Amino acid sequence: MLAAILKRLGSGAVVLWAAASAAYLALRLAPGDTIDTLVGDGPDTPVIRAQIAKDLGLDRPAVVQYADYLWRLLHGDFGRSYVLQRPVIDIIGSQIWPTVKLTLVASAFSVVIAVGLAVLTAGRARWLRGLVSGVELTVVSAPGFLIGILLLSVFSFRLGWFPVSGDRDVSALVLPALALALPIGGVLSQVIREGLERALDEPFAVTARSRGLTRLALVWRHALRHALLPAVTLAGTLIGFMLSAAVIVERVFGRPGLGEVATEAVSSKDIPVVLAVVMLAAAIYVALSLLADLAYLLIDPRLRKG
């Protein structure tokens, strides 16, 4: 058990390094110049440019900058924002809660949607499963921002049930959380449904039915546990990606959070802030993957014995 956890932590460290390196390289190769952005409409002279480059460390070789960046990451130092001249950790810390709150609610919605659809349709008539699967595939194929716009058009502009933008109260969370949850819930529902149908054909299910156990009781007490095993790993990955999707959805719904921070940082080539957002997403992905592996032990007691 300990060896498996240590191995997983080692793999997570490699993922974090790869994410940090890929993001750093992408920003270095992206068009535009950080100094141009910082100079803006102000005085623009070679002396001013040289001073800005020196203050930000941009006058050093790229390899040196990269090594210094990794060294600071190891010590939990994300640097200072080029534009806001504030510690990056303070900028991220002040905006992370709205994004985390949105992601948590969306994760809960996706689990409810997936389990509910799978339980209601597993083993049912073929036309019903086909209809639900078609709807799921349509939702999964649609980009998050399009789902968000459709939800706004129907439930905000036409029906007026939910606010259009902002983060005033709980009602403002519903539509953006649904925009995030529907695609992930659609994927998980298909996986859980397939697992349920396979489990319901197992000998233990036949024996339980012969003893008078109802279908619903059989599903909830026995079959669902077997069906959740493949879904747990997939859920960890999808919920990890949900954070990056939340950045886009937040912009659609005009919500505060990392979406606004990331958008502004990318447009101004504020490299420390962009890299911090990328590393945060990668760290959450690694943590969720590790938790998914540990959840296997809770769902399937046979793995604990092994």
C-alpha atoms as a PDB file:
ATOM      1  CA  MET A   1       0.000   0.000   0.000  1.00  0.00           C
ATOM      2  CA  LEU A   2       2.696   2.481   1.018  1.00  0.00           C
ATOM      3  CA  ALA A   3       4.805   1.596  -2.016  1.00  0.00           C
ATOM      4  CA  ALA A   4       1.831   2.174  -4.322  1.00  0.00           C
ATOM      5  CA  ILE A   5       1.137   5.573  -2.760  1.00  0.00           C
ATOM      6  CA  LEU A   6       4.787   6.601  -3.034  1.00  0.00           C
ATOM      7  CA  LYS A   7       4.844   5.493  -6.666  1.00  0.00           C
ATOM      8  CA  ARG A   8       1.729   7.536  -7.346  1.00  0.00           C
ATOM      9  CA  LEU A   9       3.258  10.568  -5.648  1.00  0.00           C
ATOM     10  CA  GLY A  10       6.356  10.189  -7.811  1.00  0.00           C
ATOM     11  CA  SER A  11       4.212  10.061 -10.942  1.00  0.00           C
ATOM     12  CA  GLY A  12       2.346  13.145  -9.723  1.00  0.00           C
ATOM     13  CA  ALA A  13       5.628  15.022  -9.296  1.00  0.00           C
ATOM     14  CA  VAL A  14       6.547  14.192 -12.895  1.00  0.00           C
ATOM     15  CA  VAL A  15       3.145  15.443 -14.074  1.00  0.00           C
ATOM     16  CA  LEU A  16       3.617  18.708 -12.178  1.00  0.00           C
ATOM     17  CA  TRP A  17       7.080  19.196 -13.666  1.00  0.00           C
ATOM     18  CA  ALA A  18       5.760  18.477 -17.179  1.00  0.00           C
ATOM     19  CA  ALA A  19       2.875  20.921 -16.711  1.00  0.00           C
ATOM     20  CA  ALA A  20       5.199  23.634 -15.416  1.00  0.00           C
ATOM     21  CA  SER A  21       7.665  23.111 -18.266  1.00  0.00           C
ATOM     22  CA  ALA A  22       5.000  22.978 -20.990  1.00  0.00           C
ATOM     23  CA  ALA A  23       3.287  26.129 -19.715  1.00  0.00           C
ATOM     24  CA  TYR A  24       6.600  27.968 -19.430  1.00  0.00           C
ATOM     25  CA  LEU A  25       7.617  26.987 -22.965  1.00  0.00           C
ATOM     26  CA  ALA A  26       4.218  27.894 -24.417  1.00  0.00           C
ATOM     27  CA  LEU A  27       4.346  31.355 -22.862  1.00  0.00           C
ATOM     28  CA  ARG A  28       7.894  31.918 -24.072  1.00  0.00           C
ATOM     29  CA  LEU A  29       6.873  31.026 -27.646  1.00  0.00           C
ATOM     30  CA  ALA A  30       3.558  32.898 -27.610  1.00  0.00           C
ATOM     31  CA  PRO A  31       3.386  36.029 -29.766  1.00  0.00           C
ATOM     32  CA  GLY A  32       3.691  39.398 -28.092  1.00  0.00           C
ATOM     33  CA  ASP A  33       6.157  40.867 -25.643  1.00  0.00           C
ATOM     34  CA  THR A  34       5.683  41.353 -21.916  1.00  0.00           C
ATOM     35  CA  ILE A  35       7.697  44.567 -21.946  1.00  0.00           C
ATOM     36  CA  ASP A  36       5.502  46.017 -24.718  1.00  0.00           C
ATOM     37  CA  THR A  37       2.456  45.328 -22.562  1.00  0.00           C
ATOM     38  CA  LEU A  38       3.980  46.903 -19.485  1.00  0.00           C
ATOM     39  CA  VAL A  39       5.178  49.986 -21.352  1.00  0.00           C
ATOM     40  CA  GLY A  40       1.742  50.492 -22.887  1.00  0.00           C
ATOM     41  CA  ASP A  41       1.115  54.094 -23.884  1.00  0.00           C
ATOM     42  CA  GLY A  42       3.755  55.465 -21.513  1.00  0.00           C
ATOM     43  CA  PRO A  43       7.285  56.629 -22.315  1.00  0.00           C
ATOM     44  CA  ASP A  44       9.107  54.072 -24.440  1.00  0.00           C
ATOM     45  CA  THR A  45      12.871  54.344 -24.528  1.00  0.00           C
ATOM     46  CA  PRO A  46      15.651  51.737 -24.615  1.00  0.00           C
ATOM     47  CA  VAL A  47      16.675  52.766 -21.097  1.00  0.00           C
ATOM     48  CA  ILE A  48      13.169  52.205 -19.737  1.00  0.00           C
ATOM     49  CA  ARG A  49      12.915  48.841 -21.519  1.00  0.00           C
ATOM     50  CA  ALA A  50      16.289  47.744 -20.188  1.00  0.00           C
ATOM     51  CA  GLN A  51      15.312  48.730 -16.652  1.00  0.00           C
ATOM     52  CA  ILE A  52      12.007  46.809 -16.850  1.00  0.00           C
ATOM     53  CA  ALA A  53      13.808  43.743 -18.191  1.00  0.00           C
ATOM     54  CA  LYS A  54      16.366  43.959 -15.395  1.00  0.00           C
ATOM     55  CA  ASP A  55      13.750  44.412 -12.672  1.00  0.00           C
ATOM     56  CA  LEU A  56      11.778  41.384 -13.896  1.00  0.00           C
ATOM     57  CA  GLY A  57      14.817  39.249 -14.628  1.00  0.00           C
ATOM     58  CA  LEU A  58      13.939  39.080 -18.320  1.00  0.00           C
ATOM     59  CA  ASP A  59      17.436  40.111 -19.356  1.00  0.00           C
ATOM     60  CA  ARG A  60      18.858  36.753 -18.248  1.00  0.00           C
ATOM     61  CA  PRO A  61      19.160  33.734 -20.567  1.00  0.00           C
ATOM     62  CA  ALA A  62      15.955  31.709 -20.972  1.00  0.00           C
ATOM     63  CA  VAL A  63      17.567  28.614 -19.442  1.00  0.00           C
ATOM     64  CA  VAL A  64      18.535  30.560 -16.332  1.00  0.00           C
ATOM     65  CA  GLN A  65      15.026  31.980 -16.041  1.00  0.00           C
ATOM     66  CA  TYR A  66      13.557  28.490 -16.387  1.00  0.00           C
ATOM     67  CA  ALA A  67      15.875  27.020 -13.731  1.00  0.00           C
ATOM     68  CA  ASP A  68      15.127  29.899 -11.373  1.00  0.00           C
ATOM     69  CA  TYR A  69      11.401  29.404 -11.952  1.00  0.00           C
ATOM     70  CA  LEU A  70      11.582  25.695 -11.052  1.00  0.00           C
ATOM     71  CA  TRP A  71      13.714  26.443  -7.993  1.00  0.00           C
ATOM     72  CA  ARG A  72      11.196  28.970  -6.716  1.00  0.00           C
ATOM     73  CA  LEU A  73       8.346  26.527  -7.354  1.00  0.00           C
ATOM     74  CA  LEU A  74      10.064  23.937  -5.173  1.00  0.00           C
ATOM     75  CA  HIS A  75      10.049  26.482  -2.375  1.00  0.00           C
ATOM     76  CA  GLY A  76       6.416  27.487  -2.916  1.00  0.00           C
ATOM     77  CA  ASP A  77       7.351  30.880  -4.358  1.00  0.00           C
ATOM     78  CA  PHE A  78       5.256  31.848  -7.398  1.00  0.00           C
ATOM     79  CA  GLY A  79       6.889  35.265  -7.718  1.00  0.00           C
ATOM     80  CA  ARG A  80       5.254  38.630  -8.254  1.00  0.00           C
ATOM     81  CA  SER A  81       2.783  39.677 -10.886  1.00  0.00           C
ATOM     82  CA  TYR A  82       4.422  41.719 -13.655  1.00  0.00           C
ATOM     83  CA  VAL A  83       1.320  43.860 -14.079  1.00  0.00           C
ATOM     84  CA  LEU A  84      -0.211  44.139 -10.601  1.00  0.00           C
ATOM     85  CA  GLN A  85       3.114  44.125  -8.729  1.00  0.00           C
ATOM     86  CA  ARG A  86       1.664  41.903  -6.030  1.00  0.00           C
ATOM     87  CA  PRO A  87       2.695  38.430  -4.869  1.00  0.00           C
ATOM     88  CA  VAL A  88       1.053  35.892  -7.154  1.00  0.00           C
ATOM     89  CA  ILE A  89      -0.013  33.774  -4.187  1.00  0.00           C
ATOM     90  CA  ASP A  90      -2.069  36.726  -2.891  1.00  0.00           C
ATOM     91  CA  ILE A  91      -3.759  37.237  -6.272  1.00  0.00           C
ATOM     92  CA  ILE A  92      -4.645  33.560  -6.606  1.00  0.00           C
ATOM     93  CA  GLY A  93      -5.694  33.305  -2.964  1.00  0.00           C
ATOM     94  CA  SER A  94      -8.116  36.209  -3.260  1.00  0.00           C
ATOM     95  CA  GLN A  95      -9.883  34.685  -6.277  1.00  0.00           C
ATOM     96  CA  ILE A  96      -9.661  30.935  -5.747  1.00  0.00           C
ATOM     97  CA  TRP A  97     -12.676  30.456  -3.470  1.00  0.00           C
ATOM     98  CA  PRO A  98     -15.370  31.407  -6.048  1.00  0.00           C
ATOM     99  CA  THR A  99     -13.800  28.947  -8.510  1.00  0.00           C
ATOM    100  CA  VAL A 100     -13.484  26.177  -5.911  1.00  0.00           C
ATOM    101  CA  LYS A 101     -17.078  26.752  -4.825  1.00  0.00           C
ATOM    102  CA  LEU A 102     -18.283  26.511  -8.420  1.00  0.00           C
ATOM    103  CA  THR A 103     -16.248  23.362  -9.035  1.00  0.00           C
ATOM    104  CA  LEU A 104     -17.517  21.647  -5.876  1.00  0.00           C
ATOM    105  CA  VAL A 105     -21.157  22.350  -6.695  1.00  0.00           C
ATOM    106  CA  ALA A 106     -20.646  21.260 -10.302  1.00  0.00           C
ATOM    107  CA  SER A 107     -18.966  18.039  -9.117  1.00  0.00           C
ATOM    108  CA  ALA A 108     -21.947  17.269  -6.883  1.00  0.00           C
ATOM    109  CA  PHE A 109     -24.345  17.967  -9.756  1.00  0.00           C
ATOM    110  CA  SER A 110     -22.390  15.715 -12.114  1.00  0.00           C
ATOM    111  CA  VAL A 111     -22.437  12.799  -9.663  1.00  0.00           C
ATOM    112  CA  VAL A 112     -26.177  13.165  -9.043  1.00  0.00           C
ATOM    113  CA  ILE A 113     -26.893  13.399 -12.778  1.00  0.00           C
ATOM    114  CA  ALA A 114     -24.674  10.431 -13.644  1.00  0.00           C
ATOM    115  CA  VAL A 115     -25.889   8.077 -10.918  1.00  0.00           C
ATOM    116  CA  GLY A 116     -29.521   9.101 -11.362  1.00  0.00           C
ATOM    117  CA  LEU A 117     -29.572   8.562 -15.127  1.00  0.00           C
ATOM    118  CA  ALA A 118     -27.626   5.311 -14.902  1.00  0.00           C
ATOM    119  CA  VAL A 119     -29.859   3.808 -12.196  1.00  0.00           C
ATOM    120  CA  LEU A 120     -33.070   4.840 -13.965  1.00  0.00           C
ATOM    121  CA  THR A 121     -32.069   3.505 -17.394  1.00  0.00           C
ATOM    122  CA  ALA A 122     -29.811   0.493 -16.744  1.00  0.00           C
ATOM    123  CA  GLY A 123     -31.517  -2.690 -17.935  1.00  0.00           C
ATOM    124  CA  ARG A 124     -34.559  -0.792 -19.172  1.00  0.00           C
ATOM    125  CA  ALA A 125     -36.121  -0.787 -22.629  1.00  0.00           C
ATOM    126  CA  ARG A 126     -33.688  -0.332 -25.502  1.00  0.00           C
ATOM    127  CA  TRP A 127     -35.501   2.728 -26.865  1.00  0.00           C
ATOM    128  CA  LEU A 128     -35.215   4.489 -23.494  1.00  0.00           C
ATOM    129  CA  ARG A 129     -31.509   3.749 -23.175  1.00  0.00           C
ATOM    130  CA  GLY A 130     -30.960   4.847 -26.762  1.00  0.00           C
ATOM    131  CA  LEU A 131     -32.823   8.108 -26.211  1.00  0.00           C
ATOM    132  CA  VAL A 132     -30.932   8.957 -23.019  1.00  0.00           C
ATOM    133  CA  SER A 133     -27.588   7.941 -24.576  1.00  0.00           C
ATOM    134  CA  GLY A 134     -28.274  10.229 -27.545  1.00  0.00           C
ATOM    135  CA  VAL A 135     -28.966  13.165 -25.249  1.00  0.00           C
ATOM    136  CA  GLU A 136     -25.826  12.388 -23.252  1.00  0.00           C
ATOM    137  CA  LEU A 137     -23.651  12.254 -26.356  1.00  0.00           C
ATOM    138  CA  THR A 138     -25.078  15.562 -27.561  1.00  0.00           C
ATOM    139  CA  VAL A 139     -24.330  17.275 -24.259  1.00  0.00           C
ATOM    140  CA  VAL A 140     -20.852  15.738 -24.026  1.00  0.00           C
ATOM    141  CA  SER A 141     -20.005  16.932 -27.541  1.00  0.00           C
ATOM    142  CA  ALA A 142     -21.112  20.520 -26.902  1.00  0.00           C
ATOM    143  CA  PRO A 143     -18.512  23.006 -25.581  1.00  0.00           C
ATOM    144  CA  GLY A 144     -19.089  24.335 -22.087  1.00  0.00           C
ATOM    145  CA  PHE A 145     -19.519  27.949 -23.169  1.00  0.00           C
ATOM    146  CA  LEU A 146     -22.289  26.952 -25.618  1.00  0.00           C
ATOM    147  CA  ILE A 147     -24.147  25.037 -22.904  1.00  0.00           C
ATOM    148  CA  GLY A 148     -23.773  28.073 -20.663  1.00  0.00           C
ATOM    149  CA  ILE A 149     -25.199  30.409 -23.297  1.00  0.00           C
ATOM    150  CA  LEU A 150     -28.173  28.089 -23.885  1.00  0.00           C
ATOM    151  CA  LEU A 151     -28.874  27.841 -20.153  1.00  0.00           C
ATOM    152  CA  LEU A 152     -28.719  31.631 -19.871  1.00  0.00           C
ATOM    153  CA  SER A 153     -31.054  32.086 -22.832  1.00  0.00           C
ATOM    154  CA  VAL A 154     -33.717  29.775 -21.407  1.00  0.00           C
ATOM    155  CA  PHE A 155     -33.552  30.105 -17.632  1.00  0.00           C
ATOM    156  CA  SER A 156     -32.287  33.685 -17.231  1.00  0.00           C
ATOM    157  CA  PHE A 157     -33.390  35.748 -20.231  1.00  0.00           C
ATOM    158  CA  ARG A 158     -36.657  33.947 -21.047  1.00  0.00           C
ATOM    159  CA  LEU A 159     -37.890  32.512 -17.723  1.00  0.00           C
ATOM    160  CA  GLY A 160     -36.016  34.814 -15.358  1.00  0.00           C
ATOM    161  CA  TRP A 161     -35.468  32.082 -12.794  1.00  0.00           C
ATOM    162  CA  PHE A 162     -31.763  32.712 -12.241  1.00  0.00           C
ATOM    163  CA  PRO A 163     -29.522  35.804 -12.350  1.00  0.00           C
ATOM    164  CA  VAL A 164     -27.615  36.469 -15.547  1.00  0.00           C
ATOM    165  CA  SER A 165     -24.240  37.139 -13.955  1.00  0.00           C
ATOM    166  CA  GLY A 166     -22.405  37.749 -10.719  1.00  0.00           C
ATOM    167  CA  ASP A 167     -22.058  35.799  -7.478  1.00  0.00           C
ATOM    168  CA  ARG A 168     -24.681  37.380  -5.266  1.00  0.00           C
ATOM    169  CA  ASP A 169     -26.270  34.254  -3.761  1.00  0.00           C
ATOM    170  CA  VAL A 170     -26.740  30.511  -4.196  1.00  0.00           C
ATOM    171  CA  SER A 171     -29.052  30.960  -7.184  1.00  0.00           C
ATOM    172  CA  ALA A 172     -26.161  32.467  -9.159  1.00  0.00           C
ATOM    173  CA  LEU A 173     -24.304  29.157  -8.800  1.00  0.00           C
ATOM    174  CA  VAL A 174     -26.939  26.921 -10.372  1.00  0.00           C
ATOM    175  CA  LEU A 175     -26.555  27.661 -14.090  1.00  0.00           C
ATOM    176  CA  PRO A 176     -22.724  27.831 -14.254  1.00  0.00           C
ATOM    177  CA  ALA A 177     -22.517  24.653 -12.167  1.00  0.00           C
ATOM    178  CA  LEU A 178     -24.926  22.918 -14.550  1.00  0.00           C
ATOM    179  CA  ALA A 179     -22.910  24.114 -17.543  1.00  0.00           C
ATOM    180  CA  LEU A 180     -19.883  22.378 -16.053  1.00  0.00           C
ATOM    181  CA  ALA A 181     -21.714  19.323 -14.728  1.00  0.00           C
ATOM    182  CA  LEU A 182     -23.797  18.265 -17.741  1.00  0.00           C
ATOM    183  CA  PRO A 183     -20.929  17.110 -20.017  1.00  0.00           C
ATOM    184  CA  ILE A 184     -19.138  15.290 -17.198  1.00  0.00           C
ATOM    185  CA  GLY A 185     -22.364  13.802 -15.896  1.00  0.00           C
ATOM    186  CA  GLY A 186     -23.115  12.524 -19.402  1.00  0.00           C
ATOM    187  CA  VAL A 187     -19.792  10.712 -19.658  1.00  0.00           C
ATOM    188  CA  LEU A 188     -19.991   9.218 -16.180  1.00  0.00           C
ATOM    189  CA  SER A 189     -23.587   8.119 -16.727  1.00  0.00           C
ATOM    190  CA  GLN A 190     -22.619   6.030 -19.743  1.00  0.00           C
ATOM    191  CA  VAL A 191     -19.793   4.356 -17.840  1.00  0.00           C
ATOM    192  CA  ILE A 192     -21.918   3.644 -14.754  1.00  0.00           C
ATOM    193  CA  ARG A 193     -24.835   2.364 -16.863  1.00  0.00           C
ATOM    194  CA  GLU A 194     -22.588  -0.087 -18.676  1.00  0.00           C
ATOM    195  CA  GLY A 195     -21.147  -1.270 -15.353  1.00  0.00           C
ATOM    196  CA  LEU A 196     -24.622  -1.662 -13.848  1.00  0.00           C
ATOM    197  CA  GLU A 197     -25.915  -3.696 -16.747  1.00  0.00           C
ATOM    198  CA  ARG A 198     -22.861  -5.942 -16.560  1.00  0.00           C
ATOM    199  CA  ALA A 199     -23.245  -6.332 -12.785  1.00  0.00           C
ATOM    200  CA  LEU A 200     -26.964  -7.135 -13.059  1.00  0.00           C
ATOM    201  CA  ASP A 201     -26.092 -10.138 -15.232  1.00  0.00           C
ATOM    202  CA  GLU A 202     -23.641 -11.548 -12.693  1.00  0.00           C
ATOM    203  CA  PRO A 203     -24.547 -14.702 -10.703  1.00  0.00           C
ATOM    204  CA  PHE A 204     -24.838 -12.780  -7.427  1.00  0.00           C
ATOM    205  CA  ALA A 205     -27.532 -10.565  -8.975  1.00  0.00           C
ATOM    206  CA  VAL A 206     -29.488 -13.561 -10.241  1.00  0.00           C
ATOM    207  CA  THR A 207     -29.294 -15.157  -6.784  1.00  0.00           C
ATOM    208  CA  ALA A 208     -30.424 -11.951  -5.068  1.00  0.00           C
ATOM    209  CA  ARG A 209     -33.415 -11.610  -7.385  1.00  0.00           C
ATOM    210  CA  SER A 210     -34.389 -15.221  -6.779  1.00  0.00           C
ATOM    211  CA  ARG A 211     -34.532 -14.433  -3.062  1.00  0.00           C
ATOM    212  CA  GLY A 212     -37.062 -11.683  -3.675  1.00  0.00           C
ATOM    213  CA  LEU A 213     -34.787  -8.627  -3.635  1.00  0.00           C
ATOM    214  CA  THR A 214     -36.313  -5.788  -5.649  1.00  0.00           C
ATOM    215  CA  ARG A 215     -34.461  -4.300  -8.615  1.00  0.00           C
ATOM    216  CA  LEU A 216     -33.922  -0.966  -6.891  1.00  0.00           C
ATOM    217  CA  ALA A 217     -32.566  -2.608  -3.745  1.00  0.00           C
ATOM    218  CA  LEU A 218     -30.297  -4.835  -5.824  1.00  0.00           C
ATOM    219  CA  VAL A 219     -28.899  -1.851  -7.694  1.00  0.00           C
ATOM    220  CA  TRP A 220     -28.271   0.318  -4.628  1.00  0.00           C
ATOM    221  CA  ARG A 221     -26.976  -2.393  -2.289  1.00  0.00           C
ATOM    222  CA  HIS A 222     -24.854  -4.478  -4.637  1.00  0.00           C
ATOM    223  CA  ALA A 223     -24.640  -3.613  -8.336  1.00  0.00           C
ATOM    224  CA  LEU A 224     -23.799   0.070  -7.958  1.00  0.00           C
ATOM    225  CA  ARG A 225     -20.658  -0.675  -5.965  1.00  0.00           C
ATOM    226  CA  HIS A 226     -19.325  -2.822  -8.826  1.00  0.00           C
ATOM    227  CA  ALA A 227     -20.330  -0.249 -11.437  1.00  0.00           C
ATOM    228  CA  LEU A 228     -18.570   2.617  -9.646  1.00  0.00           C
ATOM    229  CA  LEU A 229     -15.069   1.142  -9.907  1.00  0.00           C
ATOM    230  CA  PRO A 230     -14.308   2.240 -13.500  1.00  0.00           C
ATOM    231  CA  ALA A 231     -16.241   5.471 -12.998  1.00  0.00           C
ATOM    232  CA  VAL A 232     -14.116   6.536 -10.022  1.00  0.00           C
ATOM    233  CA  THR A 233     -10.910   6.753 -12.049  1.00  0.00           C
ATOM    234  CA  LEU A 234     -12.685   8.574 -14.863  1.00  0.00           C
ATOM    235  CA  ALA A 235     -14.361  10.944 -12.404  1.00  0.00           C
ATOM    236  CA  GLY A 236     -11.026  11.909 -10.866  1.00  0.00           C
ATOM    237  CA  THR A 237      -9.674  12.843 -14.285  1.00  0.00           C
ATOM    238  CA  LEU A 238     -12.802  14.695 -15.427  1.00  0.00           C
ATOM    239  CA  ILE A 239     -13.211  16.685 -12.230  1.00  0.00           C
ATOM    240  CA  GLY A 240      -9.548  17.637 -12.482  1.00  0.00           C
ATOM    241  CA  PHE A 241     -10.216  19.038 -15.953  1.00  0.00           C
ATOM    242  CA  MET A 242     -13.324  20.769 -14.620  1.00  0.00           C
ATOM    243  CA  LEU A 243     -11.152  23.479 -13.085  1.00  0.00           C
ATOM    244  CA  SER A 244      -9.824  24.515 -16.481  1.00  0.00           C
ATOM    245  CA  ALA A 245     -13.342  24.443 -17.909  1.00  0.00           C
ATOM    246  CA  ALA A 246     -14.510  26.610 -15.007  1.00  0.00           C
ATOM    247  CA  VAL A 247     -12.185  29.365 -16.219  1.00  0.00           C
ATOM    248  CA  ILE A 248     -14.228  29.655 -19.426  1.00  0.00           C
ATOM    249  CA  VAL A 249     -17.633  29.222 -17.799  1.00  0.00           C
ATOM    250  CA  GLU A 250     -16.848  31.970 -15.292  1.00  0.00           C
ATOM    251  CA  ARG A 251     -16.289  34.391 -18.142  1.00  0.00           C
ATOM    252  CA  VAL A 252     -19.596  33.423 -19.781  1.00  0.00           C
ATOM    253  CA  PHE A 253     -21.527  34.028 -16.561  1.00  0.00           C
ATOM    254  CA  GLY A 254     -19.513  37.064 -15.458  1.00  0.00           C
ATOM    255  CA  ARG A 255     -18.450  35.429 -12.209  1.00  0.00           C
ATOM    256  CA  PRO A 256     -15.395  36.356 -10.128  1.00  0.00           C
ATOM    257  CA  GLY A 257     -12.678  33.755  -9.818  1.00  0.00           C
ATOM    258  CA  LEU A 258      -9.643  32.380 -11.560  1.00  0.00           C
ATOM    259  CA  GLY A 259     -11.295  32.817 -14.963  1.00  0.00           C
ATOM    260  CA  GLU A 260     -10.967  36.585 -14.812  1.00  0.00           C
ATOM    261  CA  VAL A 261      -7.458  36.340 -13.360  1.00  0.00           C
ATOM    262  CA  ALA A 262      -6.272  33.894 -16.032  1.00  0.00           C
ATOM    263  CA  THR A 263      -7.827  35.832 -18.919  1.00  0.00           C
ATOM    264  CA  GLU A 264      -6.240  39.106 -17.860  1.00  0.00           C
ATOM    265  CA  ALA A 265      -2.895  37.438 -17.209  1.00  0.00           C
ATOM    266  CA  VAL A 266      -2.801  35.746 -20.625  1.00  0.00           C
ATOM    267  CA  SER A 267      -3.747  38.940 -22.472  1.00  0.00           C
ATOM    268  CA  SER A 268      -1.008  40.897 -20.673  1.00  0.00           C
ATOM    269  CA  LYS A 269       1.540  38.045 -20.741  1.00  0.00           C
ATOM    270  CA  ASP A 270       1.749  38.171 -16.974  1.00  0.00           C
ATOM    271  CA  ILE A 271       3.799  34.974 -16.927  1.00  0.00           C
ATOM    272  CA  PRO A 272       3.982  34.363 -13.144  1.00  0.00           C
ATOM    273  CA  VAL A 273       0.187  34.517 -12.781  1.00  0.00           C
ATOM    274  CA  VAL A 274      -0.495  32.272 -15.778  1.00  0.00           C
ATOM    275  CA  LEU A 275       2.017  29.708 -14.586  1.00  0.00           C
ATOM    276  CA  ALA A 276       0.502  29.741 -11.096  1.00  0.00           C
ATOM    277  CA  VAL A 277      -2.976  29.021 -12.495  1.00  0.00           C
ATOM    278  CA  VAL A 278      -1.586  26.169 -14.616  1.00  0.00           C
ATOM    279  CA  MET A 279       0.265  24.680 -11.661  1.00  0.00           C
ATOM    280  CA  LEU A 280      -2.826  24.929  -9.489  1.00  0.00           C
ATOM    281  CA  ALA A 281      -4.887  23.031 -12.063  1.00  0.00           C
ATOM    282  CA  ALA A 282      -2.168  20.389 -12.427  1.00  0.00           C
ATOM    283  CA  ALA A 283      -1.860  19.986  -8.646  1.00  0.00           C
ATOM    284  CA  ILE A 284      -5.609  19.501  -8.277  1.00  0.00           C
ATOM    285  CA  TYR A 285      -5.584  16.946 -11.096  1.00  0.00           C
ATOM    286  CA  VAL A 286      -2.777  14.975  -9.394  1.00  0.00           C
ATOM    287  CA  ALA A 287      -4.504  15.127  -6.002  1.00  0.00           C
ATOM    288  CA  LEU A 288      -7.815  13.913  -7.429  1.00  0.00           C
ATOM    289  CA  SER A 289      -6.102  11.066  -9.260  1.00  0.00           C
ATOM    290  CA  LEU A 290      -4.491   9.941  -6.012  1.00  0.00           C
ATOM    291  CA  LEU A 291      -7.808  10.187  -4.164  1.00  0.00           C
ATOM    292  CA  ALA A 292      -9.472   8.141  -6.907  1.00  0.00           C
ATOM    293  CA  ASP A 293      -6.923   5.375  -6.414  1.00  0.00           C
ATOM    294  CA  LEU A 294      -7.530   5.406  -2.660  1.00  0.00           C
ATOM    295  CA  ALA A 295     -11.295   5.390  -3.183  1.00  0.00           C
ATOM    296  CA  TYR A 296     -10.914   2.010  -4.869  1.00  0.00           C
ATOM    297  CA  LEU A 297     -10.054   0.571  -1.454  1.00  0.00           C
ATOM    298  CA  LEU A 298     -13.289   1.904   0.035  1.00  0.00           C
ATOM    299  CA  ILE A 299     -15.490   0.701  -2.803  1.00  0.00           C
ATOM    300  CA  ASP A 300     -13.995  -2.771  -3.278  1.00  0.00           C
ATOM    301  CA  PRO A 301     -12.950  -4.538  -0.043  1.00  0.00           C
ATOM    302  CA  ARG A 302     -11.178  -7.221  -2.083  1.00  0.00           C
ATOM    303  CA  LEU A 303      -8.455  -4.721  -2.956  1.00  0.00           C
ATOM    304  CA  ARG A 304      -7.784  -4.072   0.724  1.00  0.00           C
ATOM    305  CA  LYS A 305      -7.209  -7.768   1.280  1.00  0.00           C
ATOM    306  CA  GLY A 306      -4.773  -7.840  -1.616  1.00  0.00           C
END
